């Protein structure tokens, strides 16, 4: 069901400051920066080997789940995402096992992906995302 770790999500107050640090300290550069208005977040995808680092900044302070996370927890690790080939089949299988899901149905994600989250209370308090991609993330 799971193919690989797709990305690790990190919540940040300022995408610009975080990107500057990743570039200066680690020598890493984003492939793509994108805004998802419907969930109030700006994201940057940074490749590191086969895994992406996904920096998440709310479009306005306190907006959306990332804004609320930052208010309650501060900057830091937000979620891990597993790549799946067929997200509908993966969600069906998880439902059959009794997994608690935040998203019963897939929804649009970054870079034209389909995503769904497993409730962290079911996964040792680690927010877990499923990601189905049509293609690898590129700078286009």
C-alpha atoms as a PDB file:
ATOM      1  CA  UNK A   1       0.000   0.000   0.000  1.00  0.00           C
ATOM      2  CA  UNK A   2       2.730   2.493   0.956  1.00  0.00           C
ATOM      3  CA  UNK A   3       5.436   3.117  -1.646  1.00  0.00           C
ATOM      4  CA  UNK A   4       7.837   5.437   0.186  1.00  0.00           C
ATOM      5  CA  UNK A   5       8.094   8.505   2.367  1.00  0.00           C
ATOM      6  CA  UNK A   6       6.948  11.322   0.117  1.00  0.00           C
ATOM      7  CA  UNK A   7       7.703  14.267   2.365  1.00  0.00           C
ATOM      8  CA  UNK A   8       8.011  15.645   5.861  1.00  0.00           C
ATOM      9  CA  UNK A   9       5.937  18.728   6.628  1.00  0.00           C
ATOM     10  CA  UNK A  10       7.436  21.498   8.733  1.00  0.00           C
ATOM     11  CA  UNK A  11       5.329  24.454   9.877  1.00  0.00           C
ATOM     12  CA  UNK A  12       7.077  27.835   9.703  1.00  0.00           C
ATOM     13  CA  UNK A  13       6.097  31.421  10.444  1.00  0.00           C
ATOM     14  CA  UNK A  14       8.055  32.780   7.468  1.00  0.00           C
ATOM     15  CA  UNK A  15       8.709  30.808   4.311  1.00  0.00           C
ATOM     16  CA  UNK A  16      11.334  33.343   3.232  1.00  0.00           C
ATOM     17  CA  UNK A  17      13.329  33.043   6.482  1.00  0.00           C
ATOM     18  CA  UNK A  18      13.080  29.248   6.482  1.00  0.00           C
ATOM     19  CA  UNK A  19      14.133  28.995   2.821  1.00  0.00           C
ATOM     20  CA  UNK A  20      17.088  31.279   3.472  1.00  0.00           C
ATOM     21  CA  UNK A  21      18.227  29.012   6.317  1.00  0.00           C
ATOM     22  CA  UNK A  22      17.814  25.835   4.240  1.00  0.00           C
ATOM     23  CA  UNK A  23      19.816  27.431   1.418  1.00  0.00           C
ATOM     24  CA  UNK A  24      22.587  28.948   3.542  1.00  0.00           C
ATOM     25  CA  UNK A  25      23.014  26.157   6.093  1.00  0.00           C
ATOM     26  CA  UNK A  26      22.149  23.022   4.116  1.00  0.00           C
ATOM     27  CA  UNK A  27      22.675  24.189   0.525  1.00  0.00           C
ATOM     28  CA  UNK A  28      19.145  23.086  -0.367  1.00  0.00           C
ATOM     29  CA  UNK A  29      16.905  24.960  -2.791  1.00  0.00           C
ATOM     30  CA  UNK A  30      13.152  24.702  -3.382  1.00  0.00           C
ATOM     31  CA  UNK A  31      11.800  23.033  -6.501  1.00  0.00           C
ATOM     32  CA  UNK A  32       8.473  24.773  -6.257  1.00  0.00           C
ATOM     33  CA  UNK A  33       6.637  27.331  -4.136  1.00  0.00           C
ATOM     34  CA  UNK A  34       2.869  27.302  -4.284  1.00  0.00           C
ATOM     35  CA  UNK A  35      -0.128  28.820  -2.507  1.00  0.00           C
ATOM     36  CA  UNK A  36      -3.206  26.746  -1.706  1.00  0.00           C
ATOM     37  CA  UNK A  37      -5.765  29.450  -0.954  1.00  0.00           C
ATOM     38  CA  UNK A  38      -8.546  27.036   0.029  1.00  0.00           C
ATOM     39  CA  UNK A  39      -6.527  25.752   3.016  1.00  0.00           C
ATOM     40  CA  UNK A  40      -4.749  29.066   3.729  1.00  0.00           C
ATOM     41  CA  UNK A  41      -1.184  27.835   3.235  1.00  0.00           C
ATOM     42  CA  UNK A  42       1.917  28.599   1.185  1.00  0.00           C
ATOM     43  CA  UNK A  43       4.201  25.639   0.624  1.00  0.00           C
ATOM     44  CA  UNK A  44       7.730  25.118  -0.615  1.00  0.00           C
ATOM     45  CA  UNK A  45       8.955  21.724  -1.785  1.00  0.00           C
ATOM     46  CA  UNK A  46      12.671  21.125  -1.122  1.00  0.00           C
ATOM     47  CA  UNK A  47      14.175  17.905  -2.485  1.00  0.00           C
ATOM     48  CA  UNK A  48      16.575  15.859  -0.366  1.00  0.00           C
ATOM     49  CA  UNK A  49      17.363  12.527  -1.989  1.00  0.00           C
ATOM     50  CA  UNK A  50      14.074  10.769  -2.688  1.00  0.00           C
ATOM     51  CA  UNK A  51      12.226  12.665   0.059  1.00  0.00           C
ATOM     52  CA  UNK A  52      10.819  16.164  -0.038  1.00  0.00           C
ATOM     53  CA  UNK A  53      10.838  18.648   2.793  1.00  0.00           C
ATOM     54  CA  UNK A  54       7.580  20.581   2.660  1.00  0.00           C
ATOM     55  CA  UNK A  55       7.717  23.939   4.413  1.00  0.00           C
ATOM     56  CA  UNK A  56       4.246  25.215   5.321  1.00  0.00           C
ATOM     57  CA  UNK A  57       3.433  28.862   6.062  1.00  0.00           C
ATOM     58  CA  UNK A  58      -0.092  30.147   6.748  1.00  0.00           C
ATOM     59  CA  UNK A  59      -1.259  32.781   4.276  1.00  0.00           C
ATOM     60  CA  UNK A  60      -2.195  34.924   7.275  1.00  0.00           C
ATOM     61  CA  UNK A  61      -1.477  34.606  10.962  1.00  0.00           C
ATOM     62  CA  UNK A  62      -3.700  32.017  12.625  1.00  0.00           C
ATOM     63  CA  UNK A  63      -5.350  30.978   9.345  1.00  0.00           C
ATOM     64  CA  UNK A  64      -6.111  27.346   8.586  1.00  0.00           C
ATOM     65  CA  UNK A  65      -4.713  24.309  10.355  1.00  0.00           C
ATOM     66  CA  UNK A  66      -1.101  25.441   9.899  1.00  0.00           C
ATOM     67  CA  UNK A  67      -1.853  28.859  11.404  1.00  0.00           C
ATOM     68  CA  UNK A  68      -3.563  27.225  14.383  1.00  0.00           C
ATOM     69  CA  UNK A  69      -0.709  24.711  14.742  1.00  0.00           C
ATOM     70  CA  UNK A  70       1.838  27.540  14.871  1.00  0.00           C
ATOM     71  CA  UNK A  71      -0.190  29.404  17.506  1.00  0.00           C
ATOM     72  CA  UNK A  72      -0.458  26.302  19.696  1.00  0.00           C
ATOM     73  CA  UNK A  73       2.842  24.514  19.057  1.00  0.00           C
ATOM     74  CA  UNK A  74       5.206  26.978  17.406  1.00  0.00           C
ATOM     75  CA  UNK A  75       7.412  26.154  14.448  1.00  0.00           C
ATOM     76  CA  UNK A  76       8.496  22.609  13.830  1.00  0.00           C
ATOM     77  CA  UNK A  77       7.624  19.143  12.622  1.00  0.00           C
ATOM     78  CA  UNK A  78       4.009  18.949  11.500  1.00  0.00           C
ATOM     79  CA  UNK A  79       3.490  15.657   9.626  1.00  0.00           C
ATOM     80  CA  UNK A  80       4.963  12.760   7.692  1.00  0.00           C
ATOM     81  CA  UNK A  81       3.519  11.811   4.301  1.00  0.00           C
ATOM     82  CA  UNK A  82       3.529   8.398   2.708  1.00  0.00           C
ATOM     83  CA  UNK A  83       3.217   7.976  -1.057  1.00  0.00           C
ATOM     84  CA  UNK A  84       0.473   5.654  -2.204  1.00  0.00           C
ATOM     85  CA  UNK A  85      -0.311   4.527  -5.716  1.00  0.00           C
ATOM     86  CA  UNK A  86      -4.103   4.522  -5.241  1.00  0.00           C
ATOM     87  CA  UNK A  87      -5.339   6.748  -2.421  1.00  0.00           C
ATOM     88  CA  UNK A  88      -8.934   5.544  -2.715  1.00  0.00           C
ATOM     89  CA  UNK A  89      -7.843   1.919  -2.208  1.00  0.00           C
ATOM     90  CA  UNK A  90      -5.520   2.945   0.641  1.00  0.00           C
ATOM     91  CA  UNK A  91      -8.340   4.785   2.444  1.00  0.00           C
ATOM     92  CA  UNK A  92     -10.680   1.804   1.982  1.00  0.00           C
ATOM     93  CA  UNK A  93      -8.069  -0.534   3.423  1.00  0.00           C
ATOM     94  CA  UNK A  94      -7.435   1.784   6.378  1.00  0.00           C
ATOM     95  CA  UNK A  95     -11.174   2.042   7.077  1.00  0.00           C
ATOM     96  CA  UNK A  96     -11.400  -1.773   7.056  1.00  0.00           C
ATOM     97  CA  UNK A  97      -8.661  -1.978   9.703  1.00  0.00           C
ATOM     98  CA  UNK A  98     -10.490   0.500  11.925  1.00  0.00           C
ATOM     99  CA  UNK A  99      -8.036   3.351  11.436  1.00  0.00           C
ATOM    100  CA  UNK A 100      -9.398   6.748  12.460  1.00  0.00           C
ATOM    101  CA  UNK A 101      -9.258   9.115   9.512  1.00  0.00           C
ATOM    102  CA  UNK A 102      -9.313  12.893   9.429  1.00  0.00           C
ATOM    103  CA  UNK A 103     -10.244  12.742   5.758  1.00  0.00           C
ATOM    104  CA  UNK A 104     -12.734  10.084   4.664  1.00  0.00           C
ATOM    105  CA  UNK A 105     -12.299  11.185   1.030  1.00  0.00           C
ATOM    106  CA  UNK A 106      -9.168  12.472  -0.774  1.00  0.00           C
ATOM    107  CA  UNK A 107      -8.847  16.193  -1.362  1.00  0.00           C
ATOM    108  CA  UNK A 108      -6.555  18.318  -3.535  1.00  0.00           C
ATOM    109  CA  UNK A 109      -2.993  18.797  -2.289  1.00  0.00           C
ATOM    110  CA  UNK A 110       0.158  20.564  -3.421  1.00  0.00           C
ATOM    111  CA  UNK A 111       1.514  20.112  -6.939  1.00  0.00           C
ATOM    112  CA  UNK A 112      -1.728  18.584  -8.246  1.00  0.00           C
ATOM    113  CA  UNK A 113      -1.696  15.688  -5.769  1.00  0.00           C
ATOM    114  CA  UNK A 114      -4.552  14.004  -3.931  1.00  0.00           C
ATOM    115  CA  UNK A 115      -4.168  13.779  -0.158  1.00  0.00           C
ATOM    116  CA  UNK A 116      -5.854  12.506   2.987  1.00  0.00           C
ATOM    117  CA  UNK A 117      -4.832  12.545   6.646  1.00  0.00           C
ATOM    118  CA  UNK A 118      -4.983   9.829   9.293  1.00  0.00           C
ATOM    119  CA  UNK A 119      -6.005  11.115  12.718  1.00  0.00           C
ATOM    120  CA  UNK A 120      -2.869  11.426  14.885  1.00  0.00           C
ATOM    121  CA  UNK A 121      -4.624   9.783  17.835  1.00  0.00           C
ATOM    122  CA  UNK A 122      -4.404   6.546  15.838  1.00  0.00           C
ATOM    123  CA  UNK A 123      -0.717   6.881  14.872  1.00  0.00           C
ATOM    124  CA  UNK A 124       1.105   7.508  18.160  1.00  0.00           C
ATOM    125  CA  UNK A 125       0.352  11.239  17.952  1.00  0.00           C
ATOM    126  CA  UNK A 126       2.074  11.627  14.569  1.00  0.00           C
ATOM    127  CA  UNK A 127      -0.060  13.356  11.959  1.00  0.00           C
ATOM    128  CA  UNK A 128       0.183  11.104   8.904  1.00  0.00           C
ATOM    129  CA  UNK A 129      -0.714  12.072   5.352  1.00  0.00           C
ATOM    130  CA  UNK A 130      -1.322   9.854   2.342  1.00  0.00           C
ATOM    131  CA  UNK A 131      -0.272  11.333  -1.009  1.00  0.00           C
ATOM    132  CA  UNK A 132      -1.130  10.161  -4.519  1.00  0.00           C
ATOM    133  CA  UNK A 133       0.860  11.938  -7.224  1.00  0.00           C
ATOM    134  CA  UNK A 134       0.444  11.902 -10.990  1.00  0.00           C
ATOM    135  CA  UNK A 135       4.153  12.721 -11.335  1.00  0.00           C
ATOM    136  CA  UNK A 136       7.173  13.683  -9.270  1.00  0.00           C
ATOM    137  CA  UNK A 137       7.295  17.303  -8.078  1.00  0.00           C
ATOM    138  CA  UNK A 138       9.227  19.508 -10.476  1.00  0.00           C
ATOM    139  CA  UNK A 139      10.018  23.183 -10.735  1.00  0.00           C
ATOM    140  CA  UNK A 140       7.399  23.662 -13.465  1.00  0.00           C
END
